[in-house]
Protein backbone atom coordinates (compact mmCIF):
# COMPACT_ATOMS: atom_id res chain seq x y z
CA MET A 1 133.41 71.58 -151.17
CA LYS A 2 133.71 71.47 -147.39
CA SER A 3 133.78 67.95 -145.98
CA GLU A 4 131.33 66.95 -143.28
CA PRO A 5 132.92 66.75 -139.78
CA LYS A 6 133.38 63.19 -138.59
CA VAL A 7 134.25 61.41 -135.37
CA ARG A 8 135.92 58.01 -135.07
CA LEU A 9 134.00 55.62 -132.84
CA THR A 10 133.32 51.94 -132.56
CA VAL A 11 129.81 50.81 -133.47
CA GLY A 12 129.11 50.23 -129.77
CA GLN A 13 130.28 53.75 -128.88
CA ALA A 14 128.25 55.24 -131.72
CA ILE A 15 125.09 53.50 -130.52
CA VAL A 16 125.46 54.88 -126.98
CA ARG A 17 126.27 58.40 -128.20
CA PHE A 18 123.29 58.33 -130.56
CA LEU A 19 120.85 57.08 -127.92
CA VAL A 20 121.74 59.65 -125.26
CA ASN A 21 120.86 62.39 -127.74
CA GLN A 22 117.35 61.13 -128.57
CA TYR A 23 114.34 62.81 -126.94
CA SER A 24 110.56 62.47 -127.03
CA GLU A 25 108.00 65.27 -126.89
CA ARG A 26 104.29 65.04 -126.18
CA ASP A 27 102.00 67.89 -125.21
CA GLY A 28 105.01 70.16 -124.76
CA VAL A 29 106.84 67.85 -122.33
CA GLU A 30 110.30 66.76 -123.47
CA LYS A 31 112.05 63.67 -122.05
CA ARG A 32 115.15 61.60 -122.68
CA LEU A 33 113.83 58.85 -124.94
CA VAL A 34 116.26 56.12 -123.79
CA PRO A 35 117.41 56.96 -120.25
CA GLY A 36 119.01 53.58 -119.52
CA THR A 37 120.27 50.23 -120.78
CA PHE A 38 119.99 46.75 -119.31
CA GLY A 39 122.90 44.48 -120.16
CA ILE A 40 124.20 40.99 -119.47
CA PHE A 41 127.71 40.77 -120.88
CA GLY A 42 129.61 37.81 -122.16
CA HIS A 43 130.73 36.29 -125.42
CA GLY A 44 129.91 38.89 -128.06
CA ASN A 45 129.22 42.24 -126.40
CA VAL A 46 131.94 42.89 -123.79
CA ALA A 47 134.24 44.73 -126.21
CA GLY A 48 131.36 46.41 -128.02
CA LEU A 49 128.37 47.77 -126.14
CA GLY A 50 129.88 46.74 -122.79
CA GLN A 51 132.97 48.87 -123.29
CA ALA A 52 130.92 51.74 -124.70
CA LEU A 53 128.59 51.81 -121.69
CA LEU A 54 131.53 51.72 -119.28
CA GLN A 55 133.27 54.57 -121.09
CA ASN A 56 130.08 56.61 -120.99
CA GLU A 57 129.82 55.93 -117.24
CA ILE A 58 133.36 57.23 -116.70
CA ASP A 59 133.15 60.11 -119.18
CA PRO A 60 129.53 61.02 -120.07
CA GLU A 61 128.76 62.76 -123.34
CA PRO A 62 129.00 66.56 -122.85
CA ASP A 63 125.69 67.26 -124.59
CA GLY A 64 123.63 64.09 -124.22
CA GLY A 65 124.89 63.14 -120.78
CA ARG A 66 125.01 59.74 -119.13
CA MET A 67 123.45 56.48 -120.23
CA LYS A 68 122.41 54.76 -117.02
CA TYR A 69 123.46 51.10 -116.88
CA ILE A 70 121.08 48.74 -115.05
CA MET A 71 122.32 45.26 -114.12
CA PRO A 72 119.67 42.54 -114.55
CA ARG A 73 119.88 38.86 -113.54
CA ASN A 74 118.18 37.24 -116.51
CA GLU A 75 117.94 38.13 -120.20
CA GLN A 76 114.22 37.50 -120.50
CA GLY A 77 113.61 39.32 -117.24
CA GLN A 78 115.39 42.45 -118.42
CA VAL A 79 113.10 42.75 -121.44
CA HIS A 80 110.00 42.27 -119.26
CA ALA A 81 111.32 45.00 -116.93
CA ALA A 82 112.00 47.28 -119.91
CA ALA A 83 108.43 46.73 -121.13
CA ALA A 84 107.09 47.56 -117.65
CA PHE A 85 109.15 50.78 -117.65
CA ALA A 86 107.78 51.82 -121.04
CA LYS A 87 104.23 51.06 -119.95
CA ALA A 88 104.60 53.00 -116.70
CA ASN A 89 105.89 55.98 -118.69
CA GLU A 90 102.97 55.81 -121.15
CA ARG A 91 105.38 54.90 -123.98
CA THR A 92 107.09 58.32 -123.88
CA GLN A 93 110.34 56.60 -122.78
CA PHE A 94 111.78 53.11 -123.16
CA LEU A 95 114.93 51.15 -122.27
CA ALA A 96 117.50 49.27 -124.33
CA CYS A 97 118.65 45.69 -123.63
CA THR A 98 121.75 43.79 -124.71
CA ALA A 99 122.91 40.21 -124.20
CA SER A 100 125.67 37.85 -125.29
CA ILE A 101 125.81 35.62 -128.35
CA GLY A 102 123.65 32.51 -128.63
CA PRO A 103 121.42 31.41 -125.73
CA GLY A 104 121.92 34.72 -123.89
CA SER A 105 120.34 36.73 -126.68
CA LEU A 106 117.83 34.01 -127.54
CA ASN A 107 116.47 34.29 -123.99
CA MET A 108 115.13 37.74 -124.93
CA VAL A 109 112.73 36.41 -127.60
CA THR A 110 109.85 35.81 -125.17
CA GLY A 111 110.18 39.35 -123.83
CA ALA A 112 110.18 40.69 -127.38
CA ALA A 113 106.98 38.78 -128.14
CA LEU A 114 105.30 40.19 -125.03
CA ALA A 115 106.26 43.76 -125.94
CA THR A 116 105.09 43.47 -129.53
CA THR A 117 101.85 41.74 -128.56
CA ASN A 118 101.06 44.47 -126.05
CA ARG A 119 102.19 47.37 -128.29
CA VAL A 120 104.94 48.41 -125.86
CA PRO A 121 108.32 49.79 -127.08
CA VAL A 122 111.57 48.02 -126.15
CA LEU A 123 114.92 48.26 -127.96
CA LEU A 124 116.96 45.05 -128.17
CA PHE A 125 120.61 44.63 -129.16
CA PRO A 126 121.27 40.88 -129.25
CA SER A 127 124.88 39.97 -130.00
CA ASP A 128 125.38 37.98 -133.18
CA ILE A 129 127.87 35.71 -134.93
CA PHE A 130 130.90 37.23 -136.61
CA SER A 131 130.03 39.16 -139.75
CA THR A 132 133.29 37.91 -141.31
CA ARG A 133 132.28 34.34 -140.35
CA PHE A 134 135.69 33.92 -138.80
CA PRO A 135 135.93 32.35 -136.27
CA ASP A 136 133.21 29.87 -137.06
CA PRO A 137 131.37 28.41 -135.25
CA VAL A 138 131.10 30.73 -132.27
CA LEU A 139 130.01 29.41 -128.88
CA GLN A 140 126.69 27.54 -129.26
CA GLN A 141 126.23 28.98 -132.74
CA LEU A 142 123.24 27.64 -134.65
CA GLU A 143 124.79 25.90 -137.65
CA ASP A 144 122.19 25.69 -140.39
CA PRO A 145 123.45 23.41 -143.18
CA THR A 146 121.13 25.12 -145.71
CA SER A 147 122.25 28.73 -145.12
CA LEU A 148 125.35 30.21 -143.53
CA ASP A 149 123.77 33.60 -142.74
CA VAL A 150 121.19 32.26 -140.28
CA SER A 151 121.69 32.71 -136.54
CA VAL A 152 119.42 32.23 -133.53
CA ASN A 153 118.68 35.96 -133.71
CA ASP A 154 116.52 35.34 -136.76
CA ALA A 155 113.97 34.04 -134.25
CA PHE A 156 113.36 37.70 -133.36
CA ARG A 157 112.01 38.51 -136.82
CA PRO A 158 108.38 37.37 -136.34
CA VAL A 159 108.09 38.97 -132.89
CA SER A 160 109.69 42.32 -133.74
CA ARG A 161 108.07 45.38 -135.30
CA PHE A 162 111.44 46.14 -136.89
CA PHE A 163 114.46 43.86 -137.31
CA ASP A 164 117.88 44.56 -138.74
CA ARG A 165 121.38 43.10 -138.61
CA ILE A 166 124.38 45.45 -138.79
CA ASN A 167 126.99 43.78 -140.95
CA ARG A 168 128.89 47.02 -141.70
CA PRO A 169 129.29 50.18 -139.56
CA GLU A 170 127.84 52.27 -142.40
CA GLN A 171 124.50 50.50 -141.92
CA LEU A 172 124.08 51.80 -138.37
CA MET A 173 122.66 55.27 -139.05
CA PRO A 174 119.66 54.31 -141.23
CA SER A 175 118.96 51.36 -138.94
CA LEU A 176 118.88 53.46 -135.77
CA MET A 177 116.67 56.06 -137.43
CA ALA A 178 114.23 53.38 -138.56
CA ALA A 179 114.26 51.93 -135.05
CA MET A 180 113.38 55.29 -133.46
CA ARG A 181 110.61 55.85 -136.00
CA VAL A 182 108.94 52.56 -135.09
CA LEU A 183 109.48 52.88 -131.34
CA THR A 184 107.86 56.33 -131.24
CA ASP A 185 104.95 55.48 -133.55
CA PRO A 186 101.80 54.94 -131.41
CA ALA A 187 100.33 52.57 -134.00
CA GLU A 188 103.43 50.56 -134.96
CA THR A 189 105.39 50.31 -131.72
CA GLY A 190 106.61 47.10 -130.10
CA ALA A 191 109.94 45.32 -129.90
CA VAL A 192 112.69 46.63 -132.16
CA THR A 193 115.65 44.30 -132.65
CA ILE A 194 119.04 45.32 -134.06
CA ALA A 195 121.36 42.32 -134.13
CA LEU A 196 125.02 43.21 -133.61
CA PRO A 197 127.73 40.79 -134.80
CA GLN A 198 130.58 40.56 -132.31
CA ASP A 199 133.27 41.87 -134.65
CA VAL A 200 131.13 44.75 -135.95
CA GLN A 201 130.32 45.98 -132.42
CA ALA A 202 133.99 46.68 -131.84
CA GLU A 203 134.81 47.95 -135.34
CA ALA A 204 135.84 51.62 -135.57
CA TYR A 205 134.45 53.93 -138.25
CA ASP A 206 134.41 57.63 -139.05
CA PHE A 207 130.78 58.55 -138.32
CA PRO A 208 129.38 61.96 -139.34
CA GLU A 209 129.10 64.19 -136.28
CA ALA A 210 125.60 65.22 -137.36
CA MET A 211 124.46 61.70 -136.52
CA PHE A 212 124.82 62.59 -132.84
CA ASN A 213 122.99 65.90 -132.81
CA LYS A 214 120.04 66.18 -130.44
CA ARG A 215 116.88 64.88 -132.08
CA VAL A 216 113.35 65.24 -130.71
CA TRP A 217 110.75 62.68 -131.76
CA HIS A 218 107.30 64.26 -131.54
CA LEU A 219 104.71 61.67 -130.46
CA ARG A 220 101.72 61.98 -132.76
CA ARG A 221 98.08 62.35 -131.75
CA PRO A 222 96.14 61.43 -134.91
CA ALA A 223 92.95 63.50 -135.13
CA VAL A 224 89.44 62.11 -135.63
CA SER A 225 87.94 61.92 -139.09
CA PRO A 226 84.60 63.82 -139.06
CA ALA A 227 82.94 61.04 -141.05
CA GLU A 228 84.14 58.35 -138.63
CA LEU A 229 83.02 60.43 -135.65
CA GLU A 230 79.58 60.93 -137.20
CA ARG A 231 79.12 57.18 -137.69
CA ALA A 232 80.22 56.46 -134.11
CA VAL A 233 77.83 59.04 -132.65
CA ALA A 234 74.95 57.64 -134.69
CA ALA A 235 75.66 54.12 -133.40
CA ILE A 236 75.79 55.31 -129.79
CA LYS A 237 72.56 57.28 -130.03
CA ALA A 238 70.80 54.32 -131.64
CA SER A 239 71.81 51.93 -128.85
CA LYS A 240 69.79 51.12 -125.74
CA ARG A 241 72.43 49.40 -123.58
CA PRO A 242 75.89 50.76 -124.52
CA LEU A 243 79.04 49.87 -122.61
CA ILE A 244 82.53 51.41 -122.86
CA ILE A 245 85.51 49.08 -122.51
CA ALA A 246 88.63 51.09 -121.69
CA GLY A 247 91.93 49.47 -122.63
CA GLY A 248 95.59 50.32 -122.27
CA GLY A 249 95.36 52.83 -125.11
CA VAL A 250 93.44 55.20 -122.83
CA LYS A 251 96.38 55.23 -120.42
CA TYR A 252 99.07 55.45 -123.13
CA SER A 253 97.24 58.46 -124.57
CA HIS A 254 96.94 59.98 -121.07
CA ALA A 255 93.22 60.28 -121.69
CA HIS A 256 92.06 59.43 -118.16
CA GLU A 257 90.43 62.79 -117.48
CA GLU A 258 88.74 62.93 -120.88
CA LEU A 259 87.25 59.44 -120.32
CA ARG A 260 85.90 60.46 -116.93
CA GLU A 261 84.43 63.66 -118.32
CA LEU A 262 82.67 61.75 -121.11
CA ALA A 263 81.27 59.23 -118.62
CA THR A 264 80.09 62.02 -116.30
CA ALA A 265 78.40 63.91 -119.12
CA THR A 266 76.66 60.93 -120.73
CA GLY A 267 76.29 58.35 -117.97
CA LEU A 268 77.89 55.73 -120.23
CA PRO A 269 79.06 52.80 -118.06
CA VAL A 270 82.80 52.09 -118.24
CA ALA A 271 84.45 48.70 -117.80
CA ASP A 272 88.20 48.20 -118.05
CA THR A 273 90.66 45.60 -119.28
CA GLN A 274 93.77 44.41 -117.45
CA ALA A 275 95.88 46.96 -119.36
CA GLY A 276 93.25 49.65 -118.82
CA LYS A 277 93.17 49.48 -115.01
CA GLY A 278 93.23 53.02 -113.70
CA ALA A 279 91.74 54.55 -116.85
CA ILE A 280 88.73 55.44 -114.70
CA THR A 281 88.72 55.66 -110.91
CA PHE A 282 86.94 52.86 -109.06
CA ASP A 283 84.62 55.33 -107.27
CA HIS A 284 83.36 57.08 -110.41
CA PRO A 285 79.58 56.54 -110.74
CA SER A 286 80.05 55.07 -114.23
CA SER A 287 82.82 52.64 -113.25
CA VAL A 288 81.62 49.02 -113.37
CA GLY A 289 84.95 47.24 -112.87
CA GLY A 290 86.70 44.66 -114.98
CA VAL A 291 85.21 42.73 -117.87
CA GLY A 292 85.82 39.28 -119.32
CA SER A 293 87.33 36.19 -117.73
CA THR A 294 89.27 38.34 -115.24
CA GLY A 295 86.38 40.75 -114.71
CA GLY A 296 83.66 41.02 -112.07
CA ASP A 297 79.92 40.46 -111.90
CA SER A 298 78.90 44.08 -112.48
CA GLY A 299 80.92 44.63 -115.64
CA ASN A 300 80.20 41.21 -117.06
CA HIS A 301 76.46 41.50 -116.37
CA LEU A 302 76.35 44.69 -118.44
CA ALA A 303 78.58 43.17 -121.13
CA ASP A 304 76.26 40.17 -121.43
CA LYS A 305 73.31 42.36 -122.34
CA ALA A 306 75.01 45.27 -124.11
CA ASP A 307 73.79 46.05 -127.62
CA LEU A 308 76.80 48.30 -128.28
CA ILE A 309 80.39 47.90 -127.10
CA ILE A 310 82.53 51.04 -127.37
CA GLY A 311 86.10 49.78 -127.25
CA ILE A 312 88.66 52.51 -126.55
CA GLY A 313 92.30 51.53 -126.90
CA THR A 314 91.72 47.80 -126.50
CA ARG A 315 92.89 44.94 -128.68
CA TYR A 316 90.14 42.61 -127.37
CA SER A 317 92.38 39.88 -125.96
CA ASP A 318 90.85 36.55 -124.95
CA PHE A 319 90.76 37.69 -121.30
CA THR A 320 88.67 40.73 -122.23
CA THR A 321 86.24 38.80 -124.43
CA ALA A 322 86.26 35.60 -122.33
CA SER A 323 87.46 33.84 -125.48
CA ARG A 324 84.66 35.45 -127.54
CA THR A 325 81.87 34.31 -125.20
CA GLN A 326 81.36 37.52 -123.17
CA PHE A 327 79.07 39.56 -125.41
CA LYS A 328 75.92 37.44 -125.53
CA ASN A 329 73.41 39.85 -127.06
CA PRO A 330 72.76 38.52 -130.58
CA ASP A 331 72.35 42.12 -131.82
CA VAL A 332 75.54 43.48 -130.25
CA ARG A 333 77.53 45.93 -132.37
CA PHE A 334 80.92 47.54 -131.84
CA VAL A 335 82.44 51.00 -132.11
CA ASN A 336 86.23 50.80 -131.84
CA ILE A 337 88.38 53.85 -131.11
CA ASN A 338 92.01 52.92 -131.64
CA VAL A 339 95.17 54.48 -133.01
CA THR A 340 95.80 51.23 -134.89
CA SER A 341 93.46 50.38 -137.76
CA PHE A 342 94.16 46.66 -137.23
CA ASP A 343 92.55 46.83 -133.78
CA ALA A 344 89.87 49.33 -134.78
CA ALA A 345 88.54 46.91 -137.40
CA LYS A 346 88.04 43.99 -135.01
CA ASN A 347 84.55 42.57 -134.50
CA SER A 348 83.35 44.24 -137.73
CA ALA A 349 83.22 47.48 -135.80
CA VAL A 350 82.41 51.04 -136.72
CA MET A 351 86.02 52.25 -136.94
CA VAL A 352 87.41 55.44 -135.42
CA VAL A 353 91.15 55.43 -136.12
CA ALA A 354 92.51 58.18 -133.90
CA ASP A 355 94.34 59.02 -130.70
CA ALA A 356 92.17 58.09 -127.71
CA ARG A 357 92.33 61.51 -126.07
CA GLU A 358 91.54 63.36 -129.29
CA ALA A 359 88.64 61.01 -129.96
CA LEU A 360 87.19 61.31 -126.46
CA VAL A 361 87.21 65.10 -126.59
CA ALA A 362 85.50 65.06 -129.98
CA LEU A 363 83.00 62.42 -128.85
CA LYS A 364 82.01 64.39 -125.75
CA ASP A 365 81.33 67.50 -127.85
CA ALA A 366 79.40 65.53 -130.48
CA LEU A 367 77.26 63.85 -127.79
CA ALA A 368 76.32 67.12 -126.06
CA GLY A 369 72.82 66.72 -124.60
CA TYR A 370 72.88 62.91 -124.92
CA ARG A 371 72.51 60.76 -121.82
CA VAL A 372 72.04 57.03 -121.30
CA ASP A 373 68.60 55.97 -120.02
CA GLU A 374 68.75 55.57 -116.24
CA ASP A 375 67.24 52.09 -116.39
């Protein structure tokens, strides 16, 4: 039986080679999934990811090309910048971040929480204590007297959509694949954390060459269930004062044009959240501005009296709902269009679990001939 071709690399080198060969595809457009890496180097990652990034800079991969290194000034700041990059690219691309052992990596926790809370993909590689536990303790190592396998990186667990710790090189492949799956899932995305012990980062291993083949991750657009669409249409037609609230999901789905076409065809007023700014142009006749505690008079006046809120791609943060005081009509109901069932179910809503663009196209067709009363 022919043996599978292998290549000897350190774990750090294998990570860089794997990442430069990952791509995303949406609506026929293919992009490098991870075009760059932020890194602050020190105790823990100089001889691992640091060396691997430098070697890639000098001698880029022949097929995957170069991993751009971006020098930040603060560990928390680099994660915030990575989240901003992913948001600006509508979650079709994201950046990786690495930091040194102890307080350097721990500084990234707040950025991880922001990314997960806002459903934005970032990939974090915090350095970790020695897998062999020698030497011990490492610089500013958290020494838990009840368990020797706990490090400060365990603080990432509750704020990450996926967390793993690589204690052996063999664990890298399934971990990276799981990371890519979560990062490219529109419903499950957020911070992904893969903790890298200092000794394992620099450990060499014979990795299968197939691990580094080009892989394209196709970003899903979940279709609308006919039954869910029917219930949503019935609720809209039964309402007297409906209001759309467009959230960040409209932008991530690149559904701007579809939202504007629906508003033009039906006259439905459209307010936006902080994340949804730009989902509809300010000069569109249906645009009523922001809503909630950071909103304006026009949007909030309509929200006060609305008997139906149509939330599209919003998670209803406290700013949007003015801490649950914004929607004052005692008979107000909700229709929520969201790719995540967790958000679609909020406020006891009529749920439409689907991609925003797919849902808006279907909703416009199903509402043909419907128009909001002019008054």
